[in-house]
Amino acid sequence: MLARHSSHDRGVLRHAKIDGVPVRPSRRLVLTAALTLSSSTLAGCGVRLEDDAPDIPFVPKREPIPGESALLALLGALETGDVQHSSQRAHLLRKALQDAQVPAGLVAGATSPTTPAEVAAAFEASVRECGPGLLRLVGQLTATQRILSPIGDKAVLWTAAGDGAWTAGKVATTALDATRATMYALEVVAGQQSTGAVAKAALTASHELQALSIRQTTAAGDSVQPLVLGYDRPEDVAGDAGRDWVVGSFIRLQAAYADCFARLDADRDAALEVTQWMVTAEEISHTHFPQIVPTLFGDGKHQP
């Protein structure tokens, strides 16, 4: 005679008996249990599938991170680059991709595009497509590549700066404020030294930054703020002290530009333009107020 059990008990293999004799589980139940165990075990261990891995029941195929193909091409370009600190920059991006759980095999197999146009396209595509958490790093890598590598001099390879207002006008305003602060430092040094090569260079640099500030004013649109009446300045701005202040001002300027990336996730055209602003700042400063080449322009860590 069959023992009485609830419907739940009959579904639990280890409790099922007929006249006290354990019932052999059906093949269907065994397979179902095995597949369920495999799926939960794989999920619990954080198994991550390669993009081309065969499908396994109950284990979803890995989705690439945003901009993954462009980022891997960018990594390949950095790994094969010969400009100063390329290997350190490659390490920063490699670690960021690993932290984003891009499979190690894909990271290790990253290859560089073969032509300058393709390299520039990979950098720009990375800025446009990467996730928000990578945008600042990718933006700084792009600006640094444009400053230091030969392809940076080929303007035709890069998207031209915009000429209209940004959707994130307040971000452009913070960049404009930083530009004005650097212009102030240049004008103070020029006035303090009055004559000589440093004074002339400071005035020239200030005039060149003025052109950039006009574009930033347009980008800010209705968010633009009035000129600040005064800025902090050191007591001594004569001689080498004045030069060091100006160099530090340019380094802080690029850091302020780099800070914009974190607020431009929704406007990647603007983020790409910020890389151009960083390039322009370096072009203005490098002849008379050069800075030590950093791992990343905009890091703000190498001020005099």
Protein backbone atom coordinates (compact mmCIF):
# COMPACT_ATOMS: atom_id res chain seq x y z
CA MET A 1 0.00 0.00 0.00
CA LEU A 2 1.33 3.46 -0.91
CA ALA A 3 2.41 5.64 2.01
CA ARG A 4 0.55 8.92 2.29
CA HIS A 5 2.61 11.98 1.37
CA SER A 6 1.88 15.58 0.51
CA SER A 7 2.45 16.81 -3.03
CA HIS A 8 5.57 18.61 -1.75
CA ASP A 9 6.95 15.43 -0.21
CA ARG A 10 6.44 13.48 -3.42
CA GLY A 11 8.54 16.11 -5.22
CA VAL A 12 11.51 15.63 -2.89
CA LEU A 13 13.54 12.64 -4.07
CA ARG A 14 15.09 11.69 -0.79
CA HIS A 15 11.67 11.33 0.94
CA ALA A 16 9.88 9.32 -1.77
CA LYS A 17 9.25 5.68 -0.74
CA ILE A 18 6.97 2.84 -1.65
CA ASP A 19 6.34 0.47 1.28
CA GLY A 20 9.51 1.82 2.91
CA VAL A 21 11.69 1.24 -0.17
CA PRO A 22 13.29 4.35 -1.74
CA VAL A 23 11.98 5.12 -5.20
CA ARG A 24 14.60 5.38 -7.99
CA PRO A 25 14.42 8.93 -9.37
CA SER A 26 13.40 9.24 -12.99
CA ARG A 27 16.03 10.13 -15.62
CA ARG A 28 14.16 13.36 -16.35
CA LEU A 29 14.37 14.48 -12.71
CA VAL A 30 18.07 13.64 -12.52
CA LEU A 31 18.88 15.66 -15.65
CA THR A 32 16.82 18.60 -14.46
CA ALA A 33 18.58 18.61 -11.10
CA ALA A 34 22.00 18.35 -12.74
CA LEU A 35 21.36 21.24 -15.10
CA THR A 36 19.98 23.35 -12.29
CA LEU A 37 23.06 22.61 -10.17
CA SER A 38 25.44 23.42 -13.04
CA SER A 39 23.72 26.71 -13.77
CA SER A 40 23.60 27.88 -10.17
CA THR A 41 27.17 26.76 -9.54
CA LEU A 42 28.50 28.62 -12.58
CA ALA A 43 26.54 31.73 -11.69
CA GLY A 44 27.67 31.60 -8.08
CA CYS A 45 31.31 31.33 -9.09
CA GLY A 46 31.07 34.37 -11.32
CA VAL A 47 31.88 32.48 -14.51
CA ARG A 48 32.28 34.90 -17.42
CA LEU A 49 32.04 33.56 -20.95
CA GLU A 50 34.18 34.70 -23.84
CA ASP A 51 32.28 36.41 -26.64
CA ASP A 52 32.63 33.42 -28.95
CA ALA A 53 32.01 30.73 -26.32
CA PRO A 54 29.31 28.13 -27.11
CA ASP A 55 25.98 28.66 -25.42
CA ILE A 56 25.43 26.77 -22.17
CA PRO A 57 21.86 26.33 -20.96
CA PHE A 58 20.91 28.72 -18.18
CA VAL A 59 24.23 30.66 -18.44
CA PRO A 60 23.84 33.94 -20.36
CA LYS A 61 26.39 34.88 -23.00
CA ARG A 62 28.68 37.77 -21.94
CA GLU A 63 27.73 41.18 -23.23
CA PRO A 64 30.70 43.39 -24.27
CA ILE A 65 31.18 46.54 -22.25
CA PRO A 66 30.30 49.82 -24.01
CA GLY A 67 32.88 50.68 -26.67
CA GLU A 68 34.82 47.48 -26.05
CA SER A 69 36.14 47.03 -29.60
CA ALA A 70 37.38 50.63 -29.78
CA LEU A 71 38.93 50.39 -26.33
CA LEU A 72 40.83 47.23 -27.24
CA ALA A 73 42.10 48.93 -30.40
CA LEU A 74 43.15 51.91 -28.28
CA LEU A 75 44.99 49.56 -25.92
CA GLY A 76 46.80 47.97 -28.85
CA ALA A 77 47.84 51.40 -30.10
CA LEU A 78 49.24 52.34 -26.69
CA GLU A 79 51.09 49.05 -26.32
CA THR A 80 52.87 49.55 -29.64
CA GLY A 81 53.40 53.31 -29.19
CA ASP A 82 56.85 54.78 -28.80
CA VAL A 83 56.04 58.16 -27.24
CA GLN A 84 57.09 58.88 -23.68
CA HIS A 85 55.19 56.92 -21.01
CA SER A 86 53.19 54.86 -23.56
CA SER A 87 53.70 51.68 -21.56
CA GLN A 88 52.41 53.33 -18.38
CA ARG A 89 49.33 54.55 -20.22
CA ALA A 90 48.74 51.10 -21.64
CA HIS A 91 48.96 49.70 -18.11
CA LEU A 92 46.32 52.15 -16.86
CA LEU A 93 43.90 51.20 -19.63
CA ARG A 94 44.64 47.48 -19.32
CA LYS A 95 43.85 47.57 -15.61
CA ALA A 96 40.66 49.56 -16.23
CA LEU A 97 39.47 46.97 -18.76
CA GLN A 98 40.28 44.13 -16.39
CA ASP A 99 38.40 45.92 -13.60
CA ALA A 100 35.46 46.19 -16.00
CA GLN A 101 35.67 42.38 -16.37
CA VAL A 102 36.72 42.29 -19.99
CA PRO A 103 38.09 38.72 -20.40
CA ALA A 104 41.83 38.43 -19.94
CA GLY A 105 42.22 36.73 -23.31
CA LEU A 106 40.70 39.69 -25.13
CA VAL A 107 42.85 42.17 -23.21
CA ALA A 108 46.02 40.17 -23.87
CA GLY A 109 45.18 39.85 -27.55
CA ALA A 110 44.53 43.56 -28.19
CA THR A 111 46.09 44.72 -31.46
CA SER A 112 46.75 48.17 -32.83
CA PRO A 113 45.02 49.62 -35.89
CA THR A 114 47.37 49.78 -38.85
CA THR A 115 46.98 53.35 -40.15
CA PRO A 116 47.07 56.78 -38.43
CA ALA A 117 43.46 57.39 -39.49
CA GLU A 118 42.36 54.14 -37.84
CA VAL A 119 44.28 54.96 -34.67
CA ALA A 120 42.64 58.39 -34.43
CA ALA A 121 39.25 56.81 -35.12
CA ALA A 122 39.80 54.29 -32.30
CA PHE A 123 40.59 57.07 -29.83
CA GLU A 124 37.58 59.14 -30.85
CA ALA A 125 35.25 56.12 -30.87
CA SER A 126 36.43 55.24 -27.37
CA VAL A 127 35.53 58.73 -26.13
CA ARG A 128 32.11 58.52 -27.77
CA GLU A 129 31.22 54.97 -26.75
CA CYS A 130 32.93 54.05 -23.46
CA GLY A 131 30.99 53.75 -20.22
CA PRO A 132 30.79 56.73 -17.84
CA GLY A 133 33.33 55.22 -15.46
CA LEU A 134 35.99 55.14 -18.17
CA LEU A 135 35.30 58.51 -19.76
CA ARG A 136 37.83 60.59 -17.82
CA LEU A 137 40.66 58.10 -18.37
CA VAL A 138 39.85 57.70 -22.06
CA GLY A 139 39.54 61.46 -22.50
CA GLN A 140 42.93 62.06 -20.91
CA LEU A 141 44.50 59.26 -22.95
CA THR A 142 43.10 60.82 -26.11
CA ALA A 143 44.33 64.32 -25.26
CA THR A 144 47.76 62.97 -24.32
CA GLN A 145 48.00 60.98 -27.55
CA ARG A 146 47.11 64.07 -29.56
CA ILE A 147 49.70 66.15 -27.73
CA LEU A 148 52.62 63.74 -27.94
CA SER A 149 52.20 61.53 -31.01
CA PRO A 150 52.73 62.49 -34.67
CA ILE A 151 49.09 61.79 -35.51
CA GLY A 152 48.14 64.61 -33.15
CA ASP A 153 49.57 67.10 -35.64
CA LYS A 154 47.28 65.83 -38.41
CA ALA A 155 44.18 67.89 -37.76
CA VAL A 156 42.35 66.26 -40.66
CA LEU A 157 42.23 62.99 -38.70
CA TRP A 158 40.33 64.50 -35.79
CA THR A 159 36.82 65.88 -35.43
CA ALA A 160 36.86 69.67 -35.52
CA ALA A 161 35.78 71.63 -32.44
CA GLY A 162 32.15 72.66 -32.30
CA ASP A 163 30.77 76.16 -32.74
CA GLY A 164 27.48 76.04 -30.86
CA ALA A 165 26.29 75.91 -27.26
CA TRP A 166 26.67 72.69 -25.32
CA THR A 167 23.72 70.92 -23.77
CA ALA A 168 25.90 70.90 -20.62
CA GLY A 169 26.59 74.63 -20.61
CA LYS A 170 27.49 74.71 -16.91
CA VAL A 171 30.41 72.37 -17.60
CA ALA A 172 31.75 74.73 -20.25
CA THR A 173 31.42 77.53 -17.69
CA THR A 174 33.76 75.79 -15.26
CA ALA A 175 36.28 75.33 -18.08
CA LEU A 176 35.96 79.01 -18.97
CA ASP A 177 36.58 80.05 -15.36
CA ALA A 178 39.80 78.01 -15.35
CA THR A 179 40.91 79.57 -18.63
CA ARG A 180 40.31 83.06 -17.26
CA ALA A 181 42.34 82.25 -14.13
CA THR A 182 45.30 81.20 -16.29
CA MET A 183 44.99 84.35 -18.38
CA TYR A 184 45.11 86.35 -15.14
CA ALA A 185 48.36 84.66 -14.11
CA LEU A 186 49.90 85.40 -17.50
CA GLU A 187 48.88 89.04 -17.41
CA VAL A 188 50.18 89.52 -13.86
CA VAL A 189 53.56 88.05 -14.78
CA ALA A 190 53.70 90.15 -17.95
CA GLY A 191 52.92 93.28 -15.95
CA GLN A 192 55.38 92.45 -13.17
CA GLN A 193 58.29 91.79 -15.51
CA SER A 194 57.13 94.46 -18.01
CA THR A 195 59.87 93.76 -20.54
CA GLY A 196 61.92 90.81 -21.71
CA ALA A 197 61.23 87.39 -23.21
CA VAL A 198 59.08 86.12 -20.36
CA ALA A 199 56.82 89.17 -20.38
CA LYS A 200 56.39 88.94 -24.15
CA ALA A 201 55.68 85.19 -23.99
CA ALA A 202 53.14 85.70 -21.22
CA LEU A 203 51.24 88.34 -23.22
CA THR A 204 51.27 86.18 -26.34
CA ALA A 205 49.98 83.17 -24.42
CA SER A 206 47.25 85.27 -22.80
CA HIS A 207 46.05 86.49 -26.20
CA GLU A 208 45.98 82.93 -27.54
CA LEU A 209 43.98 81.75 -24.54
CA GLN A 210 41.58 84.62 -25.16
CA ALA A 211 40.59 82.97 -28.46
CA LEU A 212 39.88 79.73 -26.60
CA SER A 213 37.85 81.55 -23.96
CA ILE A 214 35.62 83.01 -26.70
CA ARG A 215 34.75 79.50 -27.88
CA GLN A 216 34.13 78.38 -24.30
CA THR A 217 31.82 81.35 -23.78
CA THR A 218 29.79 80.20 -26.78
CA ALA A 219 29.75 76.62 -25.49
CA ALA A 220 28.53 77.83 -22.09
CA GLY A 221 25.59 79.63 -23.68
CA ASP A 222 23.13 80.96 -21.12
CA SER A 223 25.18 79.43 -18.29
CA VAL A 224 28.11 81.82 -18.74
CA GLN A 225 29.06 83.77 -15.61
CA PRO A 226 30.50 87.29 -15.19
CA LEU A 227 34.25 87.75 -14.96
CA VAL A 228 35.78 87.13 -11.55
CA LEU A 229 37.28 90.33 -10.17
CA GLY A 230 40.30 88.71 -8.57
CA TYR A 231 42.18 85.43 -8.22
CA ASP A 232 44.64 84.02 -5.72
CA ARG A 233 48.26 84.83 -6.52
CA PRO A 234 51.60 84.26 -4.85
CA GLU A 235 53.45 87.18 -3.29
CA ASP A 236 56.50 86.70 -5.50
CA VAL A 237 55.85 86.56 -9.24
CA ALA A 238 59.22 87.85 -10.41
CA GLY A 239 61.81 85.84 -12.31
CA ASP A 240 61.67 82.05 -11.93
CA ALA A 241 58.90 82.31 -9.36
CA GLY A 242 56.64 83.98 -11.90
CA ARG A 243 57.50 81.39 -14.56
CA ASP A 244 56.77 78.55 -12.14
CA TRP A 245 53.41 80.10 -11.28
CA VAL A 246 52.47 80.27 -14.94
CA VAL A 247 53.57 76.68 -15.57
CA GLY A 248 51.53 75.56 -12.58
CA SER A 249 48.57 77.56 -13.89
CA PHE A 250 48.66 75.69 -17.19
CA ILE A 251 48.88 72.36 -15.36
CA ARG A 252 45.89 73.31 -13.21
CA LEU A 253 44.08 74.46 -16.35
CA GLN A 254 44.42 71.07 -18.01
CA ALA A 255 43.34 69.37 -14.79
CA ALA A 256 40.23 71.56 -14.73
CA TYR A 257 39.49 70.56 -18.30
CA ALA A 258 39.97 66.88 -17.41
CA ASP A 259 37.52 67.30 -14.52
CA CYS A 260 34.86 68.13 -17.11
CA PHE A 261 34.79 64.58 -18.48
CA ALA A 262 32.97 63.17 -15.45
CA ARG A 263 30.06 65.53 -16.17
CA LEU A 264 29.81 64.99 -19.92
CA ASP A 265 28.46 61.45 -20.15
CA ALA A 266 25.34 62.72 -21.93
CA ASP A 267 27.24 64.94 -24.39
CA ARG A 268 30.11 63.02 -25.95
CA ASP A 269 30.64 65.63 -28.68
CA ALA A 270 31.46 68.05 -25.87
CA ALA A 271 33.76 65.47 -24.23
CA LEU A 272 35.62 65.11 -27.50
CA GLU A 273 35.96 68.88 -27.74
CA VAL A 274 37.48 68.99 -24.26
CA THR A 275 40.34 66.85 -25.54
CA GLN A 276 40.97 69.57 -28.12
CA TRP A 277 40.97 72.24 -25.40
CA MET A 278 43.63 70.27 -23.54
CA VAL A 279 45.69 70.06 -26.73
CA THR A 280 45.31 73.80 -27.33
CA ALA A 281 46.41 74.66 -23.79
CA GLU A 282 49.56 72.58 -24.25
CA GLU A 283 50.28 74.15 -27.65
CA ILE A 284 50.08 77.60 -26.09
CA SER A 285 52.27 76.79 -23.11
CA HIS A 286 54.93 74.41 -24.36
CA THR A 287 57.26 76.88 -26.12
CA HIS A 288 57.86 79.34 -23.28
CA PHE A 289 56.24 77.63 -20.28
CA PRO A 290 56.90 73.92 -20.77
CA GLN A 291 55.93 71.35 -18.20
CA ILE A 292 57.44 67.96 -17.47
CA VAL A 293 55.70 65.37 -19.67
CA PRO A 294 53.27 63.55 -17.37
CA THR A 295 51.82 60.08 -17.75
CA LEU A 296 48.47 61.75 -18.44
CA PHE A 297 47.92 65.40 -19.22
CA GLY A 298 45.28 66.68 -16.85
CA ASP A 299 46.42 64.62 -13.87
CA GLY A 300 47.50 67.77 -11.95
CA LYS A 301 50.17 65.77 -10.11
CA HIS A 302 53.34 67.29 -11.55
CA GLN A 303 53.00 70.95 -10.61
CA PRO A 304 56.19 72.87 -9.74
